[in-house]
Structures are given as C-alpha cells and as structure tokens.
Amino acid sequence: MPYAVLVDDNLESSETLSILLEMEGYETAMAASLKDARARIAERVPDVMVLDRTLPDGHGMDFIAEALSHGPITIVLLTGLSDPADAKEALRRGAAAYLVKPATIDELKAVLDKAAQKV
C-alpha cells in the first residue's frame, strides 16, 4: 500500500485529502508543519508527499530538496497561490507537480499515476 504524507497547516484540508487518498488505496499521515513532516519522514519515508507552499515554520518550496534527500518521493506542491514562476521553480527543484487549491482528487490522482509509471 503506498504511503502519503500530507503537509498542510489547514487541518480540514489535510483531513479531506486524507480521506480521498485512503479511498484510492493510500495509507496517509498528516503533518501541520515542516517539523512534523521531518518526524513523519524519520518514521517512514513516504512514496508521496503533498506539500503546502506556506507553512508556519517555513516554505514548502525550500523543503523539497530536504525531503528528496531521503529517497525517491513523489512531491506535489499544493497551494492556494497560482503563480507560474513558482510552479516552474517547484518543478526545477524536483516536485512532480504544482497544483492550485482547490485541486480535485482526479488532478492529484493523474499526477500520482504518472509518477507511478516512471518507477
């Protein structure tokens, strides 16, 4: 079963996404900060990380390289900010996708399915 860590300080968003991903066959864990995300990765390196851009203790964009240093993780930056330059930068740093909230489960699933085909 693939494992996803959802990093967002909006608990409601994380809970909704967790339910949707679990319906798609994922095991999920939530993290409300980068500190929490580091703890989740230390426990178990995820297959997927859905990462908010702005968190209470840092910028999700800056966390991409750190997360990827633990192994191959499909990282999706999920943010409320629609910024083409940010999207390009996220992909350059190693994110698989940059989705703007409210993204649908179908959009997220398409990214995850595409990443799974590369493995």
PDB file of N, CA and C in Angstrom:
ATOM      1  N   MET A   1       0.847  -1.177   0.000  1.00  0.00           N
ATOM      2  CA  MET A   1       0.000   0.000   0.000  1.00  0.00           C
ATOM      3  C   MET A   1       0.893   1.241   0.000  1.00  0.00           C
ATOM      4  N   PRO A   2       0.711   2.147  -0.963  1.00  0.00           N
ATOM      5  CA  PRO A   2       1.532   3.359  -0.983  1.00  0.00           C
ATOM      6  C   PRO A   2       1.228   4.254   0.221  1.00  0.00           C
ATOM      7  N   TYR A   3       2.254   4.954   0.657  1.00  0.00           N
ATOM      8  CA  TYR A   3       2.180   5.798   1.853  1.00  0.00           C
ATOM      9  C   TYR A   3       2.349   7.259   1.462  1.00  0.00           C
ATOM     10  N   ALA A   4       1.421   8.104   1.907  1.00  0.00           N
ATOM     11  CA  ALA A   4       1.455   9.534   1.593  1.00  0.00           C
ATOM     12  C   ALA A   4       1.486  10.356   2.869  1.00  0.00           C
ATOM     13  N   VAL A   5       2.340  11.373   2.889  1.00  0.00           N
ATOM     14  CA  VAL A   5       2.363  12.339   3.986  1.00  0.00           C
ATOM     15  C   VAL A   5       1.784  13.643   3.448  1.00  0.00           C
ATOM     16  N   LEU A   6       0.803  14.166   4.159  1.00  0.00           N
ATOM     17  CA  LEU A   6       0.102  15.392   3.768  1.00  0.00           C
ATOM     18  C   LEU A   6       0.560  16.507   4.685  1.00  0.00           C
ATOM     19  N   VAL A   7       1.264  17.487   4.131  1.00  0.00           N
ATOM     20  CA  VAL A   7       1.860  18.553   4.926  1.00  0.00           C
ATOM     21  C   VAL A   7       1.084  19.848   4.658  1.00  0.00           C
ATOM     22  N   ASP A   8       0.234  20.214   5.611  1.00  0.00           N
ATOM     23  CA  ASP A   8      -0.587  21.417   5.467  1.00  0.00           C
ATOM     24  C   ASP A   8      -1.023  21.857   6.858  1.00  0.00           C
ATOM     25  N   ASP A   9      -0.927  23.153   7.139  1.00  0.00           N
ATOM     26  CA  ASP A   9      -1.346  23.643   8.450  1.00  0.00           C
ATOM     27  C   ASP A   9      -2.861  23.821   8.540  1.00  0.00           C
ATOM     28  N   ASN A  10      -3.563  23.587   7.442  1.00  0.00           N
ATOM     29  CA  ASN A  10      -5.030  23.617   7.445  1.00  0.00           C
ATOM     30  C   ASN A  10      -5.517  22.186   7.671  1.00  0.00           C
ATOM     31  N   LEU A  11      -5.904  21.897   8.902  1.00  0.00           N
ATOM     32  CA  LEU A  11      -6.296  20.542   9.285  1.00  0.00           C
ATOM     33  C   LEU A  11      -7.466  20.030   8.451  1.00  0.00           C
ATOM     34  N   GLU A  12      -8.420  20.878   8.170  1.00  0.00           N
ATOM     35  CA  GLU A  12      -9.587  20.463   7.389  1.00  0.00           C
ATOM     36  C   GLU A  12      -9.172  20.005   5.996  1.00  0.00           C
ATOM     37  N   SER A  13      -8.281  20.745   5.355  1.00  0.00           N
ATOM     38  CA  SER A  13      -7.791  20.350   4.029  1.00  0.00           C
ATOM     39  C   SER A  13      -7.087  19.004   4.080  1.00  0.00           C
ATOM     40  N   SER A  14      -6.226  18.830   5.089  1.00  0.00           N
ATOM     41  CA  SER A  14      -5.499  17.566   5.231  1.00  0.00           C
ATOM     42  C   SER A  14      -6.429  16.394   5.482  1.00  0.00           C
ATOM     43  N   GLU A  15      -7.420  16.598   6.330  1.00  0.00           N
ATOM     44  CA  GLU A  15      -8.358  15.509   6.632  1.00  0.00           C
ATOM     45  C   GLU A  15      -9.153  15.102   5.397  1.00  0.00           C
ATOM     46  N   THR A  16      -9.606  16.092   4.636  1.00  0.00           N
ATOM     47  CA  THR A  16     -10.357  15.789   3.416  1.00  0.00           C
ATOM     48  C   THR A  16      -9.489  15.035   2.422  1.00  0.00           C
ATOM     49  N   LEU A  17      -8.276  15.525   2.201  1.00  0.00           N
ATOM     50  CA  LEU A  17      -7.366  14.871   1.276  1.00  0.00           C
ATOM     51  C   LEU A  17      -7.002  13.472   1.755  1.00  0.00           C
ATOM     52  N   SER A  18      -6.832  13.314   3.057  1.00  0.00           N
ATOM     53  CA  SER A  18      -6.520  12.002   3.625  1.00  0.00           C
ATOM     54  C   SER A  18      -7.629  10.996   3.304  1.00  0.00           C
ATOM     55  N   ILE A  19      -8.860  11.405   3.505  1.00  0.00           N
ATOM     56  CA  ILE A  19      -9.999  10.513   3.220  1.00  0.00           C
ATOM     57  C   ILE A  19     -10.019  10.131   1.747  1.00  0.00           C
ATOM     58  N   LEU A  20      -9.828  11.123   0.875  1.00  0.00           N
ATOM     59  CA  LEU A  20      -9.862  10.851  -0.564  1.00  0.00           C
ATOM     60  C   LEU A  20      -8.730   9.921  -0.998  1.00  0.00           C
ATOM     61  N   LEU A  21      -7.536  10.140  -0.473  1.00  0.00           N
ATOM     62  CA  LEU A  21      -6.419   9.269  -0.836  1.00  0.00           C
ATOM     63  C   LEU A  21      -6.590   7.863  -0.267  1.00  0.00           C
ATOM     64  N   GLU A  22      -7.125   7.765   0.932  1.00  0.00           N
ATOM     65  CA  GLU A  22      -7.366   6.441   1.505  1.00  0.00           C
ATOM     66  C   GLU A  22      -8.385   5.669   0.666  1.00  0.00           C
ATOM     67  N   MET A  23      -9.357   6.374   0.096  1.00  0.00           N
ATOM     68  CA  MET A  23     -10.322   5.727  -0.801  1.00  0.00           C
ATOM     69  C   MET A  23      -9.648   5.231  -2.078  1.00  0.00           C
ATOM     70  N   GLU A  24      -8.501   5.831  -2.416  1.00  0.00           N
ATOM     71  CA  GLU A  24      -7.731   5.420  -3.599  1.00  0.00           C
ATOM     72  C   GLU A  24      -6.675   4.366  -3.259  1.00  0.00           C
ATOM     73  N   GLY A  25      -6.642   3.920  -1.997  1.00  0.00           N
ATOM     74  CA  GLY A  25      -5.725   2.848  -1.615  1.00  0.00           C
ATOM     75  C   GLY A  25      -4.441   3.294  -0.951  1.00  0.00           C
ATOM     76  N   TYR A  26      -4.354   4.552  -0.536  1.00  0.00           N
ATOM     77  CA  TYR A  26      -3.161   5.061   0.132  1.00  0.00           C
ATOM     78  C   TYR A  26      -3.307   4.983   1.641  1.00  0.00           C
ATOM     79  N   GLU A  27      -2.208   4.738   2.304  1.00  0.00           N
ATOM     80  CA  GLU A  27      -2.106   4.929   3.746  1.00  0.00           C
ATOM     81  C   GLU A  27      -1.603   6.361   3.912  1.00  0.00           C
ATOM     82  N   THR A  28      -2.175   7.116   4.841  1.00  0.00           N
ATOM     83  CA  THR A  28      -1.788   8.522   4.962  1.00  0.00           C
ATOM     84  C   THR A  28      -1.385   8.890   6.383  1.00  0.00           C
ATOM     85  N   ALA A  29      -0.581   9.945   6.452  1.00  0.00           N
ATOM     86  CA  ALA A  29      -0.223  10.573   7.725  1.00  0.00           C
ATOM     87  C   ALA A  29      -0.247  12.075   7.475  1.00  0.00           C
ATOM     88  N   MET A  30      -0.594  12.831   8.503  1.00  0.00           N
ATOM     89  CA  MET A  30      -0.678  14.277   8.358  1.00  0.00           C
ATOM     90  C   MET A  30       0.425  14.959   9.152  1.00  0.00           C
ATOM     91  N   ALA A  31       0.840  16.114   8.644  1.00  0.00           N
ATOM     92  CA  ALA A  31       1.832  16.944   9.309  1.00  0.00           C
ATOM     93  C   ALA A  31       1.393  18.397   9.139  1.00  0.00           C
ATOM     94  N   ALA A  32       1.392  19.159  10.235  1.00  0.00           N
ATOM     95  CA  ALA A  32       0.925  20.551  10.186  1.00  0.00           C
ATOM     96  C   ALA A  32       2.071  21.551  10.034  1.00  0.00           C
ATOM     97  N   SER A  33       3.301  21.048   9.976  1.00  0.00           N
ATOM     98  CA  SER A  33       4.469  21.931   9.874  1.00  0.00           C
ATOM     99  C   SER A  33       5.619  21.147   9.249  1.00  0.00           C
ATOM    100  N   LEU A  34       6.683  21.860   8.926  1.00  0.00           N
ATOM    101  CA  LEU A  34       7.870  21.174   8.398  1.00  0.00           C
ATOM    102  C   LEU A  34       8.505  20.303   9.480  1.00  0.00           C
ATOM    103  N   LYS A  35       8.455  20.771  10.711  1.00  0.00           N
ATOM    104  CA  LYS A  35       8.966  19.960  11.822  1.00  0.00           C
ATOM    105  C   LYS A  35       8.225  18.624  11.891  1.00  0.00           C
ATOM    106  N   ASP A  36       6.899  18.679  11.785  1.00  0.00           N
ATOM    107  CA  ASP A  36       6.098  17.452  11.786  1.00  0.00           C
ATOM    108  C   ASP A  36       6.421  16.583  10.570  1.00  0.00           C
ATOM    109  N   ALA A  37       6.632  17.217   9.418  1.00  0.00           N
ATOM    110  CA  ALA A  37       6.963  16.467   8.198  1.00  0.00           C
ATOM    111  C   ALA A  37       8.277  15.717   8.367  1.00  0.00           C
ATOM    112  N   ARG A  38       9.258  16.382   8.978  1.00  0.00           N
ATOM    113  CA  ARG A  38      10.547  15.720   9.233  1.00  0.00           C
ATOM    114  C   ARG A  38      10.357  14.488  10.124  1.00  0.00           C
ATOM    115  N   ALA A  39       9.498  14.620  11.124  1.00  0.00           N
ATOM    116  CA  ALA A  39       9.231  13.494  12.028  1.00  0.00           C
ATOM    117  C   ALA A  39       8.568  12.341  11.281  1.00  0.00           C
ATOM    118  N   ARG A  40       7.622  12.651  10.389  1.00  0.00           N
ATOM    119  CA  ARG A  40       6.952  11.592   9.619  1.00  0.00           C
ATOM    120  C   ARG A  40       7.961  10.880   8.714  1.00  0.00           C
ATOM    121  N   ILE A  41       8.845  11.651   8.072  1.00  0.00           N
ATOM    122  CA  ILE A  41       9.845  11.048   7.193  1.00  0.00           C
ATOM    123  C   ILE A  41      10.813  10.185   7.992  1.00  0.00           C
ATOM    124  N   ALA A  42      11.162  10.624   9.196  1.00  0.00           N
ATOM    125  CA  ALA A  42      12.068   9.844  10.045  1.00  0.00           C
ATOM    126  C   ALA A  42      11.436   8.509  10.434  1.00  0.00           C
ATOM    127  N   GLU A  43      10.114   8.509  10.622  1.00  0.00           N
ATOM    128  CA  GLU A  43       9.398   7.270  10.968  1.00  0.00           C
ATOM    129  C   GLU A  43       9.326   6.327   9.778  1.00  0.00           C
ATOM    130  N   ARG A  44       9.051   6.911   8.603  1.00  0.00           N
ATOM    131  CA  ARG A  44       8.884   6.113   7.386  1.00  0.00           C
ATOM    132  C   ARG A  44       8.927   7.055   6.179  1.00  0.00           C
ATOM    133  N   VAL A  45       9.796   6.766   5.258  1.00  0.00           N
ATOM    134  CA  VAL A  45       9.899   7.603   4.058  1.00  0.00           C
ATOM    135  C   VAL A  45       8.661   7.347   3.194  1.00  0.00           C
ATOM    136  N   PRO A  46       7.941   8.408   2.872  1.00  0.00           N
ATOM    137  CA  PRO A  46       6.709   8.224   2.093  1.00  0.00           C
ATOM    138  C   PRO A  46       6.988   8.001   0.610  1.00  0.00           C
ATOM    139  N   ASP A  47       6.009   7.431  -0.054  1.00  0.00           N
ATOM    140  CA  ASP A  47       6.049   7.322  -1.508  1.00  0.00           C
ATOM    141  C   ASP A  47       5.631   8.652  -2.129  1.00  0.00           C
ATOM    142  N   VAL A  48       4.721   9.331  -1.422  1.00  0.00           N
ATOM    143  CA  VAL A  48       4.129  10.580  -1.901  1.00  0.00           C
ATOM    144  C   VAL A  48       4.119  11.594  -0.772  1.00  0.00           C
ATOM    145  N   MET A  49       4.394  12.857  -1.124  1.00  0.00           N
ATOM    146  CA  MET A  49       4.236  13.940  -0.160  1.00  0.00           C
ATOM    147  C   MET A  49       3.454  15.048  -0.852  1.00  0.00           C
ATOM    148  N   VAL A  50       2.327  15.417  -0.256  1.00  0.00           N
ATOM    149  CA  VAL A  50       1.557  16.559  -0.735  1.00  0.00           C
ATOM    150  C   VAL A  50       1.899  17.691   0.219  1.00  0.00           C
ATOM    151  N   LEU A  51       2.512  18.731  -0.329  1.00  0.00           N
ATOM    152  CA  LEU A  51       3.171  19.753   0.466  1.00  0.00           C
ATOM    153  C   LEU A  51       2.591  21.130   0.181  1.00  0.00           C
ATOM    154  N   ASP A  52       2.134  21.806   1.224  1.00  0.00           N
ATOM    155  CA  ASP A  52       1.654  23.174   1.073  1.00  0.00           C
ATOM    156  C   ASP A  52       2.856  24.082   0.871  1.00  0.00           C
ATOM    157  N   ARG A  53       2.642  25.192   0.213  1.00  0.00           N
ATOM    158  CA  ARG A  53       3.725  26.127  -0.068  1.00  0.00           C
ATOM    159  C   ARG A  53       4.099  26.929   1.167  1.00  0.00           C
ATOM    160  N   THR A  54       3.104  27.389   1.922  1.00  0.00           N
ATOM    161  CA  THR A  54       3.358  28.254   3.067  1.00  0.00           C
ATOM    162  C   THR A  54       2.959  27.532   4.344  1.00  0.00           C
ATOM    163  N   LEU A  55       3.944  27.336   5.220  1.00  0.00           N
ATOM    164  CA  LEU A  55       3.722  26.632   6.483  1.00  0.00           C
ATOM    165  C   LEU A  55       4.201  27.505   7.637  1.00  0.00           C
ATOM    166  N   PRO A  56       3.756  27.236   8.851  1.00  0.00           N
ATOM    167  CA  PRO A  56       4.103  28.111   9.971  1.00  0.00           C
ATOM    168  C   PRO A  56       5.603  28.215  10.254  1.00  0.00           C
ATOM    169  N   ASP A  57       6.358  27.186   9.895  1.00  0.00           N
ATOM    170  CA  ASP A  57       7.788  27.191  10.208  1.00  0.00           C
ATOM    171  C   ASP A  57       8.680  27.159   8.971  1.00  0.00           C
ATOM    172  N   GLY A  58       8.133  27.555   7.839  1.00  0.00           N
ATOM    173  CA  GLY A  58       8.972  27.613   6.652  1.00  0.00           C
ATOM    174  C   GLY A  58       8.182  27.546   5.366  1.00  0.00           C
ATOM    175  N   HIS A  59       8.924  27.468   4.301  1.00  0.00           N
ATOM    176  CA  HIS A  59       8.363  27.480   2.953  1.00  0.00           C
ATOM    177  C   HIS A  59       8.477  26.073   2.367  1.00  0.00           C
ATOM    178  N   GLY A  60       7.357  25.534   1.912  1.00  0.00           N
ATOM    179  CA  GLY A  60       7.355  24.197   1.335  1.00  0.00           C
ATOM    180  C   GLY A  60       8.336  24.046   0.187  1.00  0.00           C
ATOM    181  N   MET A  61       8.479  25.101  -0.599  1.00  0.00           N
ATOM    182  CA  MET A  61       9.401  25.055  -1.733  1.00  0.00           C
ATOM    183  C   MET A  61      10.823  24.752  -1.262  1.00  0.00           C
ATOM    184  N   ASP A  62      11.211  25.336  -0.140  1.00  0.00           N
ATOM    185  CA  ASP A  62      12.557  25.122   0.391  1.00  0.00           C
ATOM    186  C   ASP A  62      12.741  23.719   0.976  1.00  0.00           C
ATOM    187  N   PHE A  63      11.648  23.028   1.244  1.00  0.00           N
ATOM    188  CA  PHE A  63      11.701  21.699   1.857  1.00  0.00           C
ATOM    189  C   PHE A  63      11.826  20.573   0.827  1.00  0.00           C
ATOM    190  N   ILE A  64      11.584  20.881  -0.430  1.00  0.00           N
ATOM    191  CA  ILE A  64      11.578  19.840  -1.465  1.00  0.00           C
ATOM    192  C   ILE A  64      12.896  19.069  -1.486  1.00  0.00           C
ATOM    193  N   ALA A  65      14.016  19.768  -1.562  1.00  0.00           N
ATOM    194  CA  ALA A  65      15.328  19.095  -1.645  1.00  0.00           C
ATOM    195  C   ALA A  65      15.597  18.261  -0.402  1.00  0.00           C
ATOM    196  N   GLU A  66      15.245  18.796   0.758  1.00  0.00           N
ATOM    197  CA  GLU A  66      15.457  18.049   2.003  1.00  0.00           C
ATOM    198  C   GLU A  66      14.660  16.751   1.993  1.00  0.00           C
ATOM    199  N   ALA A  67      13.409  16.828   1.583  1.00  0.00           N
ATOM    200  CA  ALA A  67      12.575  15.622   1.535  1.00  0.00           C
ATOM    201  C   ALA A  67      13.150  14.607   0.544  1.00  0.00           C
ATOM    202  N   LEU A  68      13.553  15.084  -0.621  1.00  0.00           N
ATOM    203  CA  LEU A  68      14.085  14.180  -1.649  1.00  0.00           C
ATOM    204  C   LEU A  68      15.418  13.551  -1.264  1.00  0.00           C
ATOM    205  N   SER A  69      16.116  14.152  -0.308  1.00  0.00           N
ATOM    206  CA  SER A  69      17.387  13.573   0.137  1.00  0.00           C
ATOM    207  C   SER A  69      17.177  12.246   0.867  1.00  0.00           C
ATOM    208  N   HIS A  70      15.947  11.942   1.234  1.00  0.00           N
ATOM    209  CA  HIS A  70      15.634  10.698   1.941  1.00  0.00           C
ATOM    210  C   HIS A  70      15.284   9.552   0.994  1.00  0.00           C
ATOM    211  N   GLY A  71      15.158   9.856  -0.288  1.00  0.00           N
ATOM    212  CA  GLY A  71      14.824   8.822  -1.255  1.00  0.00           C
ATOM    213  C   GLY A  71      13.855   9.349  -2.291  1.00  0.00           C
ATOM    214  N   PRO A  72      13.450   8.480  -3.205  1.00  0.00           N
ATOM    215  CA  PRO A  72      12.531   8.917  -4.261  1.00  0.00           C
ATOM    216  C   PRO A  72      11.113   9.106  -3.705  1.00  0.00           C
ATOM    217  N   ILE A  73      10.704  10.350  -3.603  1.00  0.00           N
ATOM    218  CA  ILE A  73       9.370  10.707  -3.110  1.00  0.00           C
ATOM    219  C   ILE A  73       8.693  11.518  -4.206  1.00  0.00           C
ATOM    220  N   THR A  74       7.480  11.164  -4.548  1.00  0.00           N
ATOM    221  CA  THR A  74       6.703  11.984  -5.466  1.00  0.00           C
ATOM    222  C   THR A  74       6.142  13.149  -4.670  1.00  0.00           C
ATOM    223  N   ILE A  75       6.641  14.353  -4.949  1.00  0.00           N
ATOM    224  CA  ILE A  75       6.217  15.527  -4.198  1.00  0.00           C
ATOM    225  C   ILE A  75       5.295  16.376  -5.061  1.00  0.00           C
ATOM    226  N   VAL A  76       4.142  16.675  -4.491  1.00  0.00           N
ATOM    227  CA  VAL A  76       3.176  17.553  -5.140  1.00  0.00           C
ATOM    228  C   VAL A  76       3.036  18.785  -4.266  1.00  0.00           C
ATOM    229  N   LEU A  77       3.394  19.934  -4.822  1.00  0.00           N
ATOM    230  CA  LEU A  77       3.172  21.188  -4.106  1.00  0.00           C
ATOM    231  C   LEU A  77       1.713  21.572  -4.360  1.00  0.00           C
ATOM    232  N   LEU A  78       0.946  21.693  -3.296  1.00  0.00           N
ATOM    233  CA  LEU A  78      -0.480  22.022  -3.377  1.00  0.00           C
ATOM    234  C   LEU A  78      -0.674  23.342  -2.639  1.00  0.00           C
ATOM    235  N   THR A  79      -1.018  24.387  -3.367  1.00  0.00           N
ATOM    236  CA  THR A  79      -1.030  25.723  -2.801  1.00  0.00           C
ATOM    237  C   THR A  79      -2.227  26.531  -3.268  1.00  0.00           C
ATOM    238  N   GLY A  80      -2.539  27.548  -2.520  1.00  0.00           N
ATOM    239  CA  GLY A  80      -3.595  28.464  -2.900  1.00  0.00           C
ATOM    240  C   GLY A  80      -3.104  29.552  -3.837  1.00  0.00           C
ATOM    241  N   LEU A  81      -1.805  29.579  -4.121  1.00  0.00           N
ATOM    242  CA  LEU A  81      -1.225  30.633  -4.950  1.00  0.00           C
ATOM    243  C   LEU A  81      -0.992  30.147  -6.374  1.00  0.00           C
ATOM    244  N   SER A  82      -1.621  30.803  -7.307  1.00  0.00           N
ATOM    245  CA  SER A  82      -1.442  30.476  -8.718  1.00  0.00           C
ATOM    246  C   SER A  82      -0.359  31.387  -9.279  1.00  0.00           C
ATOM    247  N   ASP A  83       0.860  30.883  -9.324  1.00  0.00           N
ATOM    248  CA  ASP A  83       1.998  31.675  -9.777  1.00  0.00           C
ATOM    249  C   ASP A  83       2.838  30.823 -10.725  1.00  0.00           C
ATOM    250  N   PRO A  84       2.801  31.121 -12.028  1.00  0.00           N
ATOM    251  CA  PRO A  84       3.555  30.315 -12.990  1.00  0.00           C
ATOM    252  C   PRO A  84       5.055  30.236 -12.687  1.00  0.00           C
ATOM    253  N   ALA A  85       5.634  31.315 -12.180  1.00  0.00           N
ATOM    254  CA  ALA A  85       7.065  31.290 -11.844  1.00  0.00           C
ATOM    255  C   ALA A  85       7.327  30.337 -10.681  1.00  0.00           C
ATOM    256  N   ASP A  86       6.437  30.342  -9.694  1.00  0.00           N
ATOM    257  CA  ASP A  86       6.542  29.417  -8.561  1.00  0.00           C
ATOM    258  C   ASP A  86       6.410  27.972  -9.037  1.00  0.00           C
ATOM    259  N   ALA A  87       5.457  27.738  -9.921  1.00  0.00           N
ATOM    260  CA  ALA A  87       5.246  26.387 -10.438  1.00  0.00           C
ATOM    261  C   ALA A  87       6.496  25.892 -11.148  1.00  0.00           C
ATOM    262  N   LYS A  88       7.083  26.737 -11.963  1.00  0.00           N
ATOM    263  CA  LYS A  88       8.302  26.370 -12.692  1.00  0.00           C
ATOM    264  C   LYS A  88       9.440  26.076 -11.717  1.00  0.00           C
ATOM    265  N   GLU A  89       9.553  26.894 -10.677  1.00  0.00           N
ATOM    266  CA  GLU A  89      10.608  26.704  -9.676  1.00  0.00           C
ATOM    267  C   GLU A  89      10.405  25.400  -8.906  1.00  0.00           C
ATOM    268  N   ALA A  90       9.164  25.085  -8.554  1.00  0.00           N
ATOM    269  CA  ALA A  90       8.877  23.838  -7.832  1.00  0.00           C
ATOM    270  C   ALA A  90       9.298  22.630  -8.664  1.00  0.00           C
ATOM    271  N   LEU A  91       8.994  22.649  -9.933  1.00  0.00           N
ATOM    272  CA  LEU A  91       9.376  21.541 -10.814  1.00  0.00           C
ATOM    273  C   LEU A  91      10.888  21.463 -10.960  1.00  0.00           C
ATOM    274  N   ARG A  92      11.548  22.623 -11.060  1.00  0.00           N
ATOM    275  CA  ARG A  92      13.011  22.650 -11.165  1.00  0.00           C
ATOM    276  C   ARG A  92      13.650  22.034  -9.927  1.00  0.00           C
ATOM    277  N   ARG A  93      13.034  22.254  -8.777  1.00  0.00           N
ATOM    278  CA  ARG A  93      13.582  21.737  -7.516  1.00  0.00           C
ATOM    279  C   ARG A  93      13.282  20.252  -7.293  1.00  0.00           C
ATOM    280  N   GLY A  94      12.440  19.681  -8.140  1.00  0.00           N
ATOM    281  CA  GLY A  94      12.197  18.244  -8.035  1.00  0.00           C
ATOM    282  C   GLY A  94      10.772  17.826  -7.736  1.00  0.00           C
ATOM    283  N   ALA A  95       9.859  18.777  -7.596  1.00  0.00           N
ATOM    284  CA  ALA A  95       8.458  18.406  -7.385  1.00  0.00           C
ATOM    285  C   ALA A  95       7.916  17.767  -8.656  1.00  0.00           C
ATOM    286  N   ALA A  96       7.006  16.825  -8.489  1.00  0.00           N
ATOM    287  CA  ALA A  96       6.377  16.169  -9.638  1.00  0.00           C
ATOM    288  C   ALA A  96       5.295  17.053 -10.243  1.00  0.00           C
ATOM    289  N   ALA A  97       4.711  17.923  -9.404  1.00  0.00           N
ATOM    290  CA  ALA A  97       3.625  18.784  -9.888  1.00  0.00           C
ATOM    291  C   ALA A  97       3.406  19.943  -8.933  1.00  0.00           C
ATOM    292  N   TYR A  98       2.753  20.954  -9.466  1.00  0.00           N
ATOM    293  CA  TYR A  98       2.362  22.147  -8.713  1.00  0.00           C
ATOM    294  C   TYR A  98       0.876  22.310  -8.989  1.00  0.00           C
ATOM    295  N   LEU A  99       0.041  22.029  -7.993  1.00  0.00           N
ATOM    296  CA  LEU A  99      -1.402  22.138  -8.153  1.00  0.00           C
ATOM    297  C   LEU A  99      -1.930  23.284  -7.307  1.00  0.00           C
ATOM    298  N   VAL A 100      -2.934  23.960  -7.829  1.00  0.00           N
ATOM    299  CA  VAL A 100      -3.533  25.091  -7.132  1.00  0.00           C
ATOM    300  C   VAL A 100      -4.839  24.642  -6.479  1.00  0.00           C
ATOM    301  N   LYS A 101      -4.979  25.004  -5.198  1.00  0.00           N
ATOM    302  CA  LYS A 101      -6.207  24.693  -4.455  1.00  0.00           C
ATOM    303  C   LYS A 101      -7.350  25.509  -5.031  1.00  0.00           C
ATOM    304  N   PRO A 102      -8.527  24.970  -5.102  1.00  0.00           N
ATOM    305  CA  PRO A 102      -8.871  23.606  -4.725  1.00  0.00           C
ATOM    306  C   PRO A 102      -8.660  22.648  -5.891  1.00  0.00           C
ATOM    307  N   ALA A 103      -7.658  21.819  -5.788  1.00  0.00           N
ATOM    308  CA  ALA A 103      -7.403  20.796  -6.803  1.00  0.00           C
ATOM    309  C   ALA A 103      -8.360  19.633  -6.545  1.00  0.00           C
ATOM    310  N   THR A 104      -8.715  18.951  -7.599  1.00  0.00           N
ATOM    311  CA  THR A 104      -9.603  17.799  -7.454  1.00  0.00           C
ATOM    312  C   THR A 104      -8.783  16.542  -7.196  1.00  0.00           C
ATOM    313  N   ILE A 105      -9.432  15.540  -6.674  1.00  0.00           N
ATOM    314  CA  ILE A 105      -8.756  14.258  -6.460  1.00  0.00           C
ATOM    315  C   ILE A 105      -8.324  13.677  -7.805  1.00  0.00           C
ATOM    316  N   ASP A 106      -9.080  13.944  -8.863  1.00  0.00           N
ATOM    317  CA  ASP A 106      -8.710  13.440 -10.187  1.00  0.00           C
ATOM    318  C   ASP A 106      -7.406  14.076 -10.674  1.00  0.00           C
ATOM    319  N   GLU A 107      -7.218  15.383 -10.411  1.00  0.00           N
ATOM    320  CA  GLU A 107      -5.968  16.041 -10.795  1.00  0.00           C
ATOM    321  C   GLU A 107      -4.788  15.445 -10.029  1.00  0.00           C
ATOM    322  N   LEU A 108      -4.972  15.256  -8.735  1.00  0.00           N
ATOM    323  CA  LEU A 108      -3.912  14.682  -7.915  1.00  0.00           C
ATOM    324  C   LEU A 108      -3.635  13.241  -8.326  1.00  0.00           C
ATOM    325  N   LYS A 109      -4.677  12.475  -8.544  1.00  0.00           N
ATOM    326  CA  LYS A 109      -4.510  11.076  -8.935  1.00  0.00           C
ATOM    327  C   LYS A 109      -3.781  10.965 -10.272  1.00  0.00           C
ATOM    328  N   ALA A 110      -4.055  11.876 -11.207  1.00  0.00           N
ATOM    329  CA  ALA A 110      -3.370  11.857 -12.503  1.00  0.00           C
ATOM    330  C   ALA A 110      -1.867  12.055 -12.313  1.00  0.00           C
ATOM    331  N   VAL A 111      -1.484  12.960 -11.422  1.00  0.00           N
ATOM    332  CA  VAL A 111      -0.063  13.194 -11.141  1.00  0.00           C
ATOM    333  C   VAL A 111       0.557  11.946 -10.518  1.00  0.00           C
ATOM    334  N   LEU A 112      -0.138  11.360  -9.547  1.00  0.00           N
ATOM    335  CA  LEU A 112       0.399  10.183  -8.856  1.00  0.00           C
ATOM    336  C   LEU A 112       0.492   8.982  -9.797  1.00  0.00           C
ATOM    337  N   ASP A 113      -0.516   8.810 -10.647  1.00  0.00           N
ATOM    338  CA  ASP A 113      -0.482   7.705 -11.628  1.00  0.00           C
ATOM    339  C   ASP A 113       0.677   7.876 -12.599  1.00  0.00           C
ATOM    340  N   LYS A 114       0.909   9.114 -13.052  1.00  0.00           N
ATOM    341  CA  LYS A 114       2.012   9.394 -13.968  1.00  0.00           C
ATOM    342  C   LYS A 114       3.354   9.104 -13.293  1.00  0.00           C
ATOM    343  N   ALA A 115       3.491   9.506 -12.057  1.00  0.00           N
ATOM    344  CA  ALA A 115       4.740   9.247 -11.317  1.00  0.00           C
ATOM    345  C   ALA A 115       4.955   7.758 -11.111  1.00  0.00           C
ATOM    346  N   ALA A 116       3.885   7.017 -10.837  1.00  0.00           N
ATOM    347  CA  ALA A 116       3.992   5.571 -10.613  1.00  0.00           C
ATOM    348  C   ALA A 116       4.454   4.858 -11.873  1.00  0.00           C
ATOM    349  N   GLN A 117       4.093   5.362 -13.039  1.00  0.00           N
ATOM    350  CA  GLN A 117       4.502   4.751 -14.297  1.00  0.00           C
ATOM    351  C   GLN A 117       5.997   4.911 -14.541  1.00  0.00           C
ATOM    352  N   LYS A 118       6.609   5.930 -13.953  1.00  0.00           N
ATOM    353  CA  LYS A 118       8.048   6.168 -14.134  1.00  0.00           C
ATOM    354  C   LYS A 118       8.887   5.239 -13.283  1.00  0.00           C
ATOM    355  N   VAL A 119       8.288   4.640 -12.253  1.00  0.00           N
ATOM    356  CA  VAL A 119       9.038   3.780 -11.337  1.00  0.00           C
ATOM    357  C   VAL A 119       9.248   2.423 -11.929  1.00  0.00           C
TER     358      VAL A 119
END
